[in-house]
Amino acid sequence: MERISLSIVPHGEDHALEFDALDIAAALMIADINAAEGPAELREGTRHIATLRRHGSSGAAFWEVS
Protein backbone atom coordinates (compact mmCIF):
# COMPACT_ATOMS: atom_id res chain seq x y z
CA MET A 1 0.00 0.00 0.00
CA GLU A 2 1.39 3.38 -1.02
CA ARG A 3 1.35 6.48 1.12
CA ILE A 4 -1.53 8.88 0.73
CA SER A 5 -0.72 12.23 -0.86
CA LEU A 6 -2.70 15.27 0.23
CA SER A 7 -2.68 18.40 -1.91
CA ILE A 8 -4.27 21.57 -0.49
CA VAL A 9 -4.75 24.74 -2.53
CA PRO A 10 -5.22 27.63 -0.07
CA HIS A 11 -7.92 30.17 -0.97
CA GLY A 12 -6.52 32.85 -3.27
CA GLU A 13 -3.27 30.97 -3.93
CA ASP A 14 -2.06 29.44 -7.19
CA HIS A 15 0.20 26.79 -5.66
CA ALA A 16 -0.62 23.71 -3.61
CA LEU A 17 0.70 22.61 -0.24
CA GLU A 18 1.74 18.96 -0.45
CA PHE A 19 1.67 16.47 2.44
CA ASP A 20 2.27 12.72 2.70
CA ALA A 21 0.35 10.56 5.17
CA LEU A 22 0.54 6.91 6.18
CA ASP A 23 -3.19 6.33 5.64
CA ILE A 24 -6.48 8.06 4.83
CA ALA A 25 -7.31 8.77 8.49
CA ALA A 26 -4.00 10.61 8.96
CA ALA A 27 -4.53 12.51 5.68
CA LEU A 28 -7.95 13.66 6.87
CA MET A 29 -6.48 14.90 10.17
CA ILE A 30 -3.78 16.81 8.25
CA ALA A 31 -6.46 18.35 6.02
CA ASP A 32 -8.56 19.34 9.03
CA ILE A 33 -5.60 21.12 10.63
CA ASN A 34 -4.16 22.77 7.50
CA ALA A 35 -7.04 23.45 5.11
CA ALA A 36 -9.02 26.46 6.27
CA GLU A 37 -10.52 27.10 2.81
CA GLY A 38 -10.12 25.81 -0.69
CA PRO A 39 -10.11 22.28 -2.12
CA ALA A 40 -7.91 19.40 -1.06
CA GLU A 41 -7.21 16.22 -3.01
CA LEU A 42 -6.31 12.77 -1.73
CA ARG A 43 -4.30 10.41 -3.95
CA GLU A 44 -2.69 7.02 -3.54
CA GLY A 45 0.11 6.97 -6.09
CA THR A 46 -1.57 8.06 -9.33
CA ARG A 47 -5.07 7.00 -8.18
CA HIS A 48 -7.43 9.83 -7.20
CA ILE A 49 -9.23 8.92 -3.98
CA ALA A 50 -11.34 12.01 -3.22
CA THR A 51 -11.68 15.77 -3.41
CA LEU A 52 -12.43 17.51 -0.11
CA ARG A 53 -14.04 20.92 0.39
CA ARG A 54 -14.46 22.51 3.81
CA HIS A 55 -17.69 24.39 4.53
CA GLY A 56 -19.07 26.29 7.50
CA SER A 57 -17.40 28.32 10.20
CA SER A 58 -14.51 27.22 12.38
CA GLY A 59 -16.91 26.30 15.18
CA ALA A 60 -19.22 24.27 12.93
CA ALA A 61 -17.10 23.18 9.97
CA PHE A 62 -17.88 20.14 7.87
CA TRP A 63 -16.29 18.46 4.85
CA GLU A 64 -17.87 17.74 1.47
CA VAL A 65 -16.25 14.64 -0.02
CA SER A 66 -16.54 13.89 -3.73
C-alpha atoms as a PDB file:
ATOM      1  CA  MET A   1       0.000   0.000   0.000  1.00  0.00           C
ATOM      2  CA  GLU A   2       1.389   3.382  -1.020  1.00  0.00           C
ATOM      3  CA  ARG A   3       1.354   6.480   1.116  1.00  0.00           C
ATOM      4  CA  ILE A   4      -1.533   8.883   0.729  1.00  0.00           C
ATOM      5  CA  SER A   5      -0.716  12.235  -0.864  1.00  0.00           C
ATOM      6  CA  LEU A   6      -2.701  15.275   0.228  1.00  0.00           C
ATOM      7  CA  SER A   7      -2.681  18.396  -1.913  1.00  0.00           C
ATOM      8  CA  ILE A   8      -4.268  21.570  -0.486  1.00  0.00           C
ATOM      9  CA  VAL A   9      -4.751  24.745  -2.530  1.00  0.00           C
ATOM     10  CA  PRO A  10      -5.225  27.632  -0.075  1.00  0.00           C
ATOM     11  CA  HIS A  11      -7.920  30.172  -0.971  1.00  0.00           C
ATOM     12  CA  GLY A  12      -6.522  32.851  -3.271  1.00  0.00           C
ATOM     13  CA  GLU A  13      -3.271  30.969  -3.932  1.00  0.00           C
ATOM     14  CA  ASP A  14      -2.062  29.437  -7.188  1.00  0.00           C
ATOM     15  CA  HIS A  15       0.197  26.789  -5.657  1.00  0.00           C
ATOM     16  CA  ALA A  16      -0.621  23.711  -3.605  1.00  0.00           C
ATOM     17  CA  LEU A  17       0.698  22.615  -0.243  1.00  0.00           C
ATOM     18  CA  GLU A  18       1.742  18.957  -0.446  1.00  0.00           C
ATOM     19  CA  PHE A  19       1.666  16.470   2.436  1.00  0.00           C
ATOM     20  CA  ASP A  20       2.269  12.717   2.704  1.00  0.00           C
ATOM     21  CA  ALA A  21       0.349  10.561   5.166  1.00  0.00           C
ATOM     22  CA  LEU A  22       0.541   6.908   6.176  1.00  0.00           C
ATOM     23  CA  ASP A  23      -3.194   6.329   5.639  1.00  0.00           C
ATOM     24  CA  ILE A  24      -6.479   8.057   4.830  1.00  0.00           C
ATOM     25  CA  ALA A  25      -7.306   8.771   8.486  1.00  0.00           C
ATOM     26  CA  ALA A  26      -3.996  10.615   8.959  1.00  0.00           C
ATOM     27  CA  ALA A  27      -4.529  12.506   5.683  1.00  0.00           C
ATOM     28  CA  LEU A  28      -7.954  13.665   6.868  1.00  0.00           C
ATOM     29  CA  MET A  29      -6.476  14.902  10.169  1.00  0.00           C
ATOM     30  CA  ILE A  30      -3.780  16.805   8.251  1.00  0.00           C
ATOM     31  CA  ALA A  31      -6.459  18.352   6.021  1.00  0.00           C
ATOM     32  CA  ASP A  32      -8.563  19.338   9.032  1.00  0.00           C
ATOM     33  CA  ILE A  33      -5.599  21.117  10.632  1.00  0.00           C
ATOM     34  CA  ASN A  34      -4.155  22.768   7.502  1.00  0.00           C
ATOM     35  CA  ALA A  35      -7.039  23.452   5.107  1.00  0.00           C
ATOM     36  CA  ALA A  36      -9.018  26.463   6.269  1.00  0.00           C
ATOM     37  CA  GLU A  37     -10.522  27.095   2.814  1.00  0.00           C
ATOM     38  CA  GLY A  38     -10.122  25.806  -0.693  1.00  0.00           C
ATOM     39  CA  PRO A  39     -10.105  22.285  -2.115  1.00  0.00           C
ATOM     40  CA  ALA A  40      -7.907  19.400  -1.056  1.00  0.00           C
ATOM     41  CA  GLU A  41      -7.207  16.221  -3.012  1.00  0.00           C
ATOM     42  CA  LEU A  42      -6.311  12.774  -1.728  1.00  0.00           C
ATOM     43  CA  ARG A  43      -4.300  10.410  -3.947  1.00  0.00           C
ATOM     44  CA  GLU A  44      -2.694   7.023  -3.545  1.00  0.00           C
ATOM     45  CA  GLY A  45       0.106   6.975  -6.093  1.00  0.00           C
ATOM     46  CA  THR A  46      -1.570   8.058  -9.330  1.00  0.00           C
ATOM     47  CA  ARG A  47      -5.070   7.003  -8.183  1.00  0.00           C
ATOM     48  CA  HIS A  48      -7.431   9.835  -7.202  1.00  0.00           C
ATOM     49  CA  ILE A  49      -9.233   8.924  -3.980  1.00  0.00           C
ATOM     50  CA  ALA A  50     -11.342  12.013  -3.223  1.00  0.00           C
ATOM     51  CA  THR A  51     -11.676  15.769  -3.408  1.00  0.00           C
ATOM     52  CA  LEU A  52     -12.434  17.513  -0.107  1.00  0.00           C
ATOM     53  CA  ARG A  53     -14.040  20.917   0.389  1.00  0.00           C
ATOM     54  CA  ARG A  54     -14.455  22.507   3.814  1.00  0.00           C
ATOM     55  CA  HIS A  55     -17.694  24.388   4.529  1.00  0.00           C
ATOM     56  CA  GLY A  56     -19.066  26.286   7.503  1.00  0.00           C
ATOM     57  CA  SER A  57     -17.403  28.324  10.204  1.00  0.00           C
ATOM     58  CA  SER A  58     -14.508  27.225  12.383  1.00  0.00           C
ATOM     59  CA  GLY A  59     -16.910  26.303  15.183  1.00  0.00           C
ATOM     60  CA  ALA A  60     -19.220  24.270  12.932  1.00  0.00           C
ATOM     61  CA  ALA A  61     -17.096  23.176   9.974  1.00  0.00           C
ATOM     62  CA  PHE A  62     -17.884  20.136   7.874  1.00  0.00           C
ATOM     63  CA  TRP A  63     -16.294  18.462   4.853  1.00  0.00           C
ATOM     64  CA  GLU A  64     -17.866  17.743   1.473  1.00  0.00           C
ATOM     65  CA  VAL A  65     -16.246  14.635  -0.018  1.00  0.00           C
ATOM     66  CA  SER A  66     -16.536  13.892  -3.727  1.00  0.00           C
END
